[in-house]
Amino acid sequence: MPNTTNKDYTKYSQRQLFNLIHQLERKIKKMQNDRASFKEKMAKELEKRDQNFKDKIDALNELLQKISQAFDDKRDCCLGYEIPNIQTQQAMRDALNKETDLIVEDFSSYSDERKRALGVETQP
């Protein structure tokens, strides 16, 4: 804070006034330089913090993209398998809802019949 006491500068000699003016001019110049230096320092600090925020935002955006991709991948699958197309889904429903009239009395004769149908040789 500047000195607010009331001084009577009329009693100062010309040399004392010159020195006082010169001293005040140096103080003003120093304060202006300090202010400019402070502004530069704050601008650099702000730029540095801004870059840190940008880096954090970029990292979070990258993480969000990875999570979104993982979510999309999970949405496009069915317990690790691709979702069957409409025709396959309908065929599966029909097979589940269809009552089978196949009655197997002897498994070995059924097995032999299936092997013949598939073209696999049976052992005698």
C-alpha atoms as a PDB file:
ATOM      1  CA  MET A   1       0.000   0.000   0.000  1.00  0.00           C
ATOM      2  CA  PRO A   2       1.267   3.493  -0.762  1.00  0.00           C
ATOM      3  CA  ASN A   3       2.188   5.725   2.089  1.00  0.00           C
ATOM      4  CA  THR A   4      -0.910   7.796   2.815  1.00  0.00           C
ATOM      5  CA  THR A   5       0.600  10.166   5.341  1.00  0.00           C
ATOM      6  CA  ASN A   6       0.368  13.777   4.322  1.00  0.00           C
ATOM      7  CA  LYS A   7       3.840  15.113   3.701  1.00  0.00           C
ATOM      8  CA  ASP A   8       4.710  18.630   2.850  1.00  0.00           C
ATOM      9  CA  TYR A   9       6.804  18.189  -0.298  1.00  0.00           C
ATOM     10  CA  THR A  10       7.278  21.933  -0.594  1.00  0.00           C
ATOM     11  CA  LYS A  11      10.043  21.718   1.993  1.00  0.00           C
ATOM     12  CA  TYR A  12      11.987  19.178  -0.104  1.00  0.00           C
ATOM     13  CA  SER A  13      14.930  20.392  -2.110  1.00  0.00           C
ATOM     14  CA  GLN A  14      14.954  20.095  -5.863  1.00  0.00           C
ATOM     15  CA  ARG A  15      17.407  17.214  -5.681  1.00  0.00           C
ATOM     16  CA  GLN A  16      15.274  15.393  -3.062  1.00  0.00           C
ATOM     17  CA  LEU A  17      12.178  15.812  -5.235  1.00  0.00           C
ATOM     18  CA  PHE A  18      14.085  14.572  -8.293  1.00  0.00           C
ATOM     19  CA  ASN A  19      15.280  11.500  -6.361  1.00  0.00           C
ATOM     20  CA  LEU A  20      11.779  10.862  -5.002  1.00  0.00           C
ATOM     21  CA  ILE A  21      10.243  11.131  -8.484  1.00  0.00           C
ATOM     22  CA  HIS A  22      12.911   8.838  -9.901  1.00  0.00           C
ATOM     23  CA  GLN A  23      12.382   6.351  -7.067  1.00  0.00           C
ATOM     24  CA  LEU A  24       8.598   6.364  -7.619  1.00  0.00           C
ATOM     25  CA  GLU A  25       9.060   5.924 -11.375  1.00  0.00           C
ATOM     26  CA  ARG A  26      11.284   2.889 -10.725  1.00  0.00           C
ATOM     27  CA  LYS A  27       8.687   1.429  -8.349  1.00  0.00           C
ATOM     28  CA  ILE A  28       5.931   1.971 -10.918  1.00  0.00           C
ATOM     29  CA  LYS A  29       8.070   0.415 -13.664  1.00  0.00           C
ATOM     30  CA  LYS A  30       8.909  -2.549 -11.413  1.00  0.00           C
ATOM     31  CA  MET A  31       5.233  -3.035 -10.545  1.00  0.00           C
ATOM     32  CA  GLN A  32       4.320  -2.930 -14.243  1.00  0.00           C
ATOM     33  CA  ASN A  33       7.035  -5.483 -15.038  1.00  0.00           C
ATOM     34  CA  ASP A  34       5.903  -7.677 -12.147  1.00  0.00           C
ATOM     35  CA  ARG A  35       2.328  -7.434 -13.382  1.00  0.00           C
ATOM     36  CA  ALA A  36       3.339  -8.401 -16.925  1.00  0.00           C
ATOM     37  CA  SER A  37       5.480 -11.242 -15.605  1.00  0.00           C
ATOM     38  CA  PHE A  38       2.611 -12.424 -13.417  1.00  0.00           C
ATOM     39  CA  LYS A  39       0.241 -12.309 -16.402  1.00  0.00           C
ATOM     40  CA  GLU A  40       2.674 -14.404 -18.472  1.00  0.00           C
ATOM     41  CA  LYS A  41       3.135 -16.864 -15.637  1.00  0.00           C
ATOM     42  CA  MET A  42      -0.619 -17.203 -15.147  1.00  0.00           C
ATOM     43  CA  ALA A  43      -1.169 -17.587 -18.896  1.00  0.00           C
ATOM     44  CA  LYS A  44       1.417 -20.404 -19.003  1.00  0.00           C
ATOM     45  CA  GLU A  45      -0.126 -22.052 -15.941  1.00  0.00           C
ATOM     46  CA  LEU A  46      -3.592 -21.738 -17.436  1.00  0.00           C
ATOM     47  CA  GLU A  47      -2.380 -23.198 -20.733  1.00  0.00           C
ATOM     48  CA  LYS A  48      -0.710 -26.063 -18.867  1.00  0.00           C
ATOM     49  CA  ARG A  49      -3.875 -26.789 -16.874  1.00  0.00           C
ATOM     50  CA  ASP A  50      -5.988 -26.451 -20.003  1.00  0.00           C
ATOM     51  CA  GLN A  51      -3.764 -29.015 -21.738  1.00  0.00           C
ATOM     52  CA  ASN A  52      -4.088 -31.314 -18.712  1.00  0.00           C
ATOM     53  CA  PHE A  53      -7.877 -30.993 -18.908  1.00  0.00           C
ATOM     54  CA  LYS A  54      -7.777 -31.665 -22.660  1.00  0.00           C
ATOM     55  CA  ASP A  55      -5.615 -34.755 -22.069  1.00  0.00           C
ATOM     56  CA  LYS A  56      -8.012 -36.012 -19.404  1.00  0.00           C
ATOM     57  CA  ILE A  57     -11.018 -35.352 -21.627  1.00  0.00           C
ATOM     58  CA  ASP A  58      -9.312 -37.177 -24.524  1.00  0.00           C
ATOM     59  CA  ALA A  59      -8.533 -40.144 -22.268  1.00  0.00           C
ATOM     60  CA  LEU A  60     -12.115 -40.239 -21.000  1.00  0.00           C
ATOM     61  CA  ASN A  61     -13.477 -40.014 -24.552  1.00  0.00           C
ATOM     62  CA  GLU A  62     -11.226 -42.893 -25.598  1.00  0.00           C
ATOM     63  CA  LEU A  63     -12.439 -44.934 -22.624  1.00  0.00           C
ATOM     64  CA  LEU A  64     -16.042 -44.078 -23.501  1.00  0.00           C
ATOM     65  CA  GLN A  65     -15.475 -45.264 -27.078  1.00  0.00           C
ATOM     66  CA  LYS A  66     -14.019 -48.552 -25.831  1.00  0.00           C
ATOM     67  CA  ILE A  67     -16.965 -49.057 -23.474  1.00  0.00           C
ATOM     68  CA  SER A  68     -19.435 -48.183 -26.223  1.00  0.00           C
ATOM     69  CA  GLN A  69     -17.729 -50.622 -28.591  1.00  0.00           C
ATOM     70  CA  ALA A  70     -17.824 -53.349 -25.945  1.00  0.00           C
ATOM     71  CA  PHE A  71     -21.499 -52.593 -25.323  1.00  0.00           C
ATOM     72  CA  ASP A  72     -22.246 -52.743 -29.060  1.00  0.00           C
ATOM     73  CA  ASP A  73     -20.349 -56.033 -29.316  1.00  0.00           C
ATOM     74  CA  LYS A  74     -22.350 -57.480 -26.417  1.00  0.00           C
ATOM     75  CA  ARG A  75     -25.606 -56.236 -27.853  1.00  0.00           C
ATOM     76  CA  ASP A  76     -24.861 -57.944 -31.167  1.00  0.00           C
ATOM     77  CA  CYS A  77     -24.299 -61.335 -29.599  1.00  0.00           C
ATOM     78  CA  CYS A  78     -26.273 -63.917 -27.744  1.00  0.00           C
ATOM     79  CA  LEU A  79     -24.225 -65.492 -24.946  1.00  0.00           C
ATOM     80  CA  GLY A  80     -21.147 -65.530 -27.104  1.00  0.00           C
ATOM     81  CA  TYR A  81     -22.991 -66.683 -30.233  1.00  0.00           C
ATOM     82  CA  GLU A  82     -24.451 -64.663 -33.026  1.00  0.00           C
ATOM     83  CA  ILE A  83     -28.173 -64.082 -32.856  1.00  0.00           C
ATOM     84  CA  PRO A  84     -29.773 -66.528 -35.276  1.00  0.00           C
ATOM     85  CA  ASN A  85     -31.604 -65.021 -38.225  1.00  0.00           C
ATOM     86  CA  ILE A  86     -35.416 -64.970 -38.317  1.00  0.00           C
ATOM     87  CA  GLN A  87     -35.749 -68.203 -40.314  1.00  0.00           C
ATOM     88  CA  THR A  88     -33.451 -70.106 -37.964  1.00  0.00           C
ATOM     89  CA  GLN A  89     -35.286 -68.742 -34.913  1.00  0.00           C
ATOM     90  CA  GLN A  90     -38.618 -69.816 -36.397  1.00  0.00           C
ATOM     91  CA  ALA A  91     -37.258 -73.283 -37.254  1.00  0.00           C
ATOM     92  CA  MET A  92     -35.995 -73.644 -33.676  1.00  0.00           C
ATOM     93  CA  ARG A  93     -39.408 -72.627 -32.288  1.00  0.00           C
ATOM     94  CA  ASP A  94     -41.159 -75.046 -34.626  1.00  0.00           C
ATOM     95  CA  ALA A  95     -38.836 -77.856 -33.591  1.00  0.00           C
ATOM     96  CA  LEU A  96     -39.446 -77.137 -29.914  1.00  0.00           C
ATOM     97  CA  ASN A  97     -43.217 -76.884 -30.334  1.00  0.00           C
ATOM     98  CA  LYS A  98     -43.537 -79.883 -32.644  1.00  0.00           C
ATOM     99  CA  GLU A  99     -44.668 -83.091 -31.074  1.00  0.00           C
ATOM    100  CA  THR A 100     -42.535 -85.943 -32.187  1.00  0.00           C
ATOM    101  CA  ASP A 101     -44.097 -89.232 -33.120  1.00  0.00           C
ATOM    102  CA  LEU A 102     -40.794 -91.048 -33.072  1.00  0.00           C
ATOM    103  CA  ILE A 103     -40.907 -93.900 -30.673  1.00  0.00           C
ATOM    104  CA  VAL A 104     -37.700 -95.777 -30.224  1.00  0.00           C
ATOM    105  CA  GLU A 105     -38.130 -99.300 -28.981  1.00  0.00           C
ATOM    106  CA  ASP A 106     -34.633-100.524 -29.685  1.00  0.00           C
ATOM    107  CA  PHE A 107     -31.799 -97.998 -29.667  1.00  0.00           C
ATOM    108  CA  SER A 108     -29.382-100.168 -31.621  1.00  0.00           C
ATOM    109  CA  SER A 109     -31.814-100.585 -34.547  1.00  0.00           C
ATOM    110  CA  TYR A 110     -32.493 -96.810 -34.481  1.00  0.00           C
ATOM    111  CA  SER A 111     -28.766 -96.144 -34.414  1.00  0.00           C
ATOM    112  CA  ASP A 112     -28.147 -98.492 -37.343  1.00  0.00           C
ATOM    113  CA  GLU A 113     -30.934 -96.812 -39.324  1.00  0.00           C
ATOM    114  CA  ARG A 114     -29.466 -93.337 -38.676  1.00  0.00           C
ATOM    115  CA  LYS A 115     -25.998 -94.507 -39.681  1.00  0.00           C
ATOM    116  CA  ARG A 116     -27.359 -95.900 -42.956  1.00  0.00           C
ATOM    117  CA  ALA A 117     -29.170 -92.618 -43.612  1.00  0.00           C
ATOM    118  CA  LEU A 118     -25.951 -90.688 -43.005  1.00  0.00           C
ATOM    119  CA  GLY A 119     -23.863 -93.123 -45.036  1.00  0.00           C
ATOM    120  CA  VAL A 120     -21.748 -94.300 -42.142  1.00  0.00           C
ATOM    121  CA  GLU A 121     -20.636 -97.913 -42.101  1.00  0.00           C
ATOM    122  CA  THR A 122     -22.007 -99.996 -39.272  1.00  0.00           C
ATOM    123  CA  GLN A 123     -20.057-102.636 -37.463  1.00  0.00           C
ATOM    124  CA  PRO A 124     -21.553-106.162 -37.681  1.00  0.00           C
END
